[in-house]
Every structure is written in C-alpha cells, then in structure tokens.
Amino acid sequence: MSNVPAAREWGCGNAAEACAAALGWFVGAFPGEPVVLCTQTANDRSMRLAAKLGFTEVERFEEYSAE
C-alpha cells in the first residue's frame, strides 16, 4: 500500500503533505535520480509550495511568452 494520498485529497489543503509523500516515494524508488519541477513564476502558490518542499531554482526558461 502506498502512502501517497488519494486523488480526492488534492485541493483540500493537503498539497504540501501529498507532494512530500509522492517525493518520498520517488526518492525510495529511484535513488539518486533528479526531480524537476516546472511552473510559471506568476503562480505564487506553486512557487511557495516548491520552496516549502525544498526545490531551488536552477534555470528559468520562457515559453509562450511567459516565464
């Protein structure tokens, strides 16, 4: 049984916990593999969640006239 929350829990304020569980599973299943996150810099909620989960900006790119 996986400890990744069910899809019904997404959007109920559990984003950080759900992402942390998914990342924890990934690290266990694929040790040493990098994890890449792509989001728009204008999406403040996603940027805050990424920072809370320990992601750091490595590179910024522009696509469709947006960062």
N, C-alpha and C. Protein backbone atom coordinates (compact mmCIF):
# COMPACT_ATOMS: atom_id res chain seq x y z
N MET A 1 0.85 -1.18 0.00
CA MET A 1 0.00 0.00 0.00
C MET A 1 0.89 1.23 0.00
N SER A 2 0.59 2.17 -0.86
CA SER A 2 1.36 3.39 -0.98
C SER A 2 0.91 4.40 0.06
N ASN A 3 1.82 5.25 0.53
CA ASN A 3 1.44 6.31 1.44
C ASN A 3 1.21 7.63 0.72
N VAL A 4 1.02 7.59 -0.60
CA VAL A 4 0.67 8.77 -1.38
C VAL A 4 -0.83 8.96 -1.24
N PRO A 5 -1.29 10.17 -0.83
CA PRO A 5 -2.72 10.41 -0.64
C PRO A 5 -3.52 10.19 -1.93
N ALA A 6 -4.75 9.78 -1.76
CA ALA A 6 -5.65 9.55 -2.90
C ALA A 6 -5.93 10.87 -3.60
N ALA A 7 -6.28 10.78 -4.88
CA ALA A 7 -6.54 11.97 -5.68
C ALA A 7 -7.63 12.84 -5.08
N ARG A 8 -8.59 12.26 -4.37
CA ARG A 8 -9.69 13.04 -3.79
C ARG A 8 -9.18 14.04 -2.75
N GLU A 9 -7.98 13.83 -2.22
CA GLU A 9 -7.44 14.74 -1.21
C GLU A 9 -6.79 15.98 -1.81
N TRP A 10 -6.47 15.94 -3.09
CA TRP A 10 -5.87 17.12 -3.74
C TRP A 10 -6.87 18.25 -3.75
N GLY A 11 -6.41 19.45 -3.47
CA GLY A 11 -7.28 20.62 -3.46
C GLY A 11 -7.97 20.85 -2.14
N CYS A 12 -7.66 20.05 -1.13
CA CYS A 12 -8.29 20.17 0.19
C CYS A 12 -7.29 20.70 1.22
N GLY A 13 -6.29 21.42 0.79
CA GLY A 13 -5.31 21.96 1.72
C GLY A 13 -4.20 20.99 2.08
N ASN A 14 -4.11 19.89 1.41
CA ASN A 14 -3.10 18.88 1.72
C ASN A 14 -1.99 18.82 0.68
N ALA A 15 -1.82 19.84 -0.10
CA ALA A 15 -0.87 19.81 -1.22
C ALA A 15 0.55 19.52 -0.75
N ALA A 16 1.01 20.21 0.27
CA ALA A 16 2.39 20.02 0.73
C ALA A 16 2.60 18.60 1.23
N GLU A 17 1.65 18.09 2.01
CA GLU A 17 1.77 16.73 2.54
C GLU A 17 1.73 15.70 1.42
N ALA A 18 0.83 15.89 0.46
CA ALA A 18 0.71 14.96 -0.65
C ALA A 18 1.96 14.97 -1.52
N CYS A 19 2.47 16.15 -1.81
CA CYS A 19 3.68 16.25 -2.62
C CYS A 19 4.87 15.65 -1.89
N ALA A 20 4.98 15.92 -0.60
CA ALA A 20 6.10 15.37 0.18
C ALA A 20 6.03 13.85 0.17
N ALA A 21 4.83 13.28 0.29
CA ALA A 21 4.68 11.82 0.27
C ALA A 21 5.08 11.27 -1.10
N ALA A 22 4.64 11.93 -2.17
CA ALA A 22 4.98 11.47 -3.52
C ALA A 22 6.48 11.56 -3.75
N LEU A 23 7.09 12.66 -3.31
CA LEU A 23 8.54 12.82 -3.47
C LEU A 23 9.29 11.78 -2.64
N GLY A 24 8.80 11.51 -1.44
CA GLY A 24 9.42 10.49 -0.60
C GLY A 24 9.39 9.12 -1.27
N TRP A 25 8.26 8.79 -1.87
CA TRP A 25 8.16 7.52 -2.60
C TRP A 25 9.15 7.50 -3.76
N PHE A 26 9.22 8.60 -4.50
CA PHE A 26 10.10 8.66 -5.67
C PHE A 26 11.55 8.45 -5.27
N VAL A 27 11.98 9.12 -4.22
CA VAL A 27 13.36 9.00 -3.75
C VAL A 27 13.67 7.56 -3.36
N GLY A 28 12.71 6.89 -2.74
CA GLY A 28 12.91 5.49 -2.38
C GLY A 28 12.94 4.56 -3.58
N ALA A 29 12.10 4.87 -4.57
CA ALA A 29 12.01 4.01 -5.75
C ALA A 29 13.12 4.27 -6.77
N PHE A 30 13.60 5.50 -6.82
CA PHE A 30 14.62 5.89 -7.80
C PHE A 30 15.72 6.70 -7.13
N PRO A 31 16.49 6.09 -6.24
CA PRO A 31 17.53 6.84 -5.51
C PRO A 31 18.54 7.48 -6.46
N GLY A 32 18.86 8.72 -6.16
CA GLY A 32 19.86 9.44 -6.94
C GLY A 32 19.34 10.11 -8.20
N GLU A 33 18.10 9.85 -8.56
CA GLU A 33 17.54 10.48 -9.76
C GLU A 33 17.06 11.89 -9.42
N PRO A 34 17.32 12.85 -10.31
CA PRO A 34 16.87 14.22 -10.05
C PRO A 34 15.36 14.36 -10.25
N VAL A 35 14.79 15.31 -9.56
CA VAL A 35 13.37 15.65 -9.70
C VAL A 35 13.31 17.07 -10.24
N VAL A 36 12.57 17.25 -11.31
CA VAL A 36 12.45 18.56 -11.95
C VAL A 36 11.02 19.06 -11.80
N LEU A 37 10.87 20.30 -11.45
CA LEU A 37 9.56 20.92 -11.30
C LEU A 37 9.47 22.08 -12.28
N CYS A 38 8.40 22.13 -13.02
CA CYS A 38 8.15 23.24 -13.94
C CYS A 38 6.86 23.92 -13.55
N THR A 39 6.90 25.22 -13.34
CA THR A 39 5.71 26.00 -13.05
C THR A 39 5.96 27.43 -13.51
N GLN A 40 4.92 28.21 -13.62
CA GLN A 40 5.09 29.61 -14.00
C GLN A 40 5.47 30.42 -12.77
N THR A 41 6.39 31.36 -12.95
CA THR A 41 6.80 32.19 -11.82
C THR A 41 5.65 33.04 -11.31
N ALA A 42 4.66 33.31 -12.15
CA ALA A 42 3.50 34.10 -11.73
C ALA A 42 2.56 33.30 -10.83
N ASN A 43 2.72 31.98 -10.77
CA ASN A 43 1.87 31.15 -9.93
C ASN A 43 2.45 31.12 -8.52
N ASP A 44 2.04 32.11 -7.73
CA ASP A 44 2.60 32.28 -6.39
C ASP A 44 2.42 31.04 -5.51
N ARG A 45 1.26 30.41 -5.59
CA ARG A 45 1.01 29.23 -4.74
C ARG A 45 1.98 28.10 -5.09
N SER A 46 2.17 27.87 -6.37
CA SER A 46 3.10 26.81 -6.78
C SER A 46 4.52 27.14 -6.37
N MET A 47 4.90 28.39 -6.50
CA MET A 47 6.26 28.80 -6.12
C MET A 47 6.47 28.63 -4.62
N ARG A 48 5.48 28.98 -3.80
CA ARG A 48 5.60 28.80 -2.34
C ARG A 48 5.67 27.32 -1.98
N LEU A 49 4.85 26.51 -2.63
CA LEU A 49 4.87 25.07 -2.35
C LEU A 49 6.22 24.47 -2.75
N ALA A 50 6.73 24.87 -3.89
CA ALA A 50 8.03 24.36 -4.34
C ALA A 50 9.12 24.72 -3.33
N ALA A 51 9.11 25.95 -2.85
CA ALA A 51 10.11 26.38 -1.86
C ALA A 51 9.94 25.58 -0.56
N LYS A 52 8.70 25.37 -0.14
CA LYS A 52 8.43 24.61 1.10
C LYS A 52 8.94 23.18 0.99
N LEU A 53 8.89 22.62 -0.22
CA LEU A 53 9.34 21.26 -0.45
C LEU A 53 10.84 21.15 -0.67
N GLY A 54 11.53 22.31 -0.70
CA GLY A 54 12.98 22.29 -0.82
C GLY A 54 13.52 22.46 -2.23
N PHE A 55 12.65 22.74 -3.20
CA PHE A 55 13.13 22.97 -4.56
C PHE A 55 13.83 24.31 -4.63
N THR A 56 14.88 24.38 -5.41
CA THR A 56 15.59 25.63 -5.65
C THR A 56 15.65 25.87 -7.15
N GLU A 57 15.64 27.14 -7.52
CA GLU A 57 15.66 27.49 -8.93
C GLU A 57 17.05 27.25 -9.50
N VAL A 58 17.10 26.48 -10.56
CA VAL A 58 18.36 26.18 -11.23
C VAL A 58 18.42 26.91 -12.55
N GLU A 59 17.31 26.95 -13.23
CA GLU A 59 17.26 27.57 -14.55
C GLU A 59 15.86 28.11 -14.77
N ARG A 60 15.77 29.20 -15.50
CA ARG A 60 14.49 29.79 -15.85
C ARG A 60 14.39 29.83 -17.37
N PHE A 61 13.25 29.45 -17.90
CA PHE A 61 13.07 29.48 -19.34
C PHE A 61 11.74 30.15 -19.67
N GLU A 62 11.64 30.59 -20.88
CA GLU A 62 10.43 31.25 -21.34
C GLU A 62 9.80 30.42 -22.45
N GLU A 63 8.48 30.24 -22.36
CA GLU A 63 7.74 29.51 -23.36
C GLU A 63 6.38 30.19 -23.51
N TYR A 64 5.95 30.37 -24.71
CA TYR A 64 4.67 31.05 -24.99
C TYR A 64 4.63 32.43 -24.33
N SER A 65 5.73 33.14 -24.37
CA SER A 65 5.87 34.50 -23.84
C SER A 65 5.63 34.58 -22.34
N ALA A 66 5.93 33.54 -21.61
CA ALA A 66 5.78 33.55 -20.15
C ALA A 66 6.97 32.84 -19.53
N GLU A 67 7.38 33.31 -18.34
CA GLU A 67 8.46 32.65 -17.61
C GLU A 67 7.93 31.39 -16.97
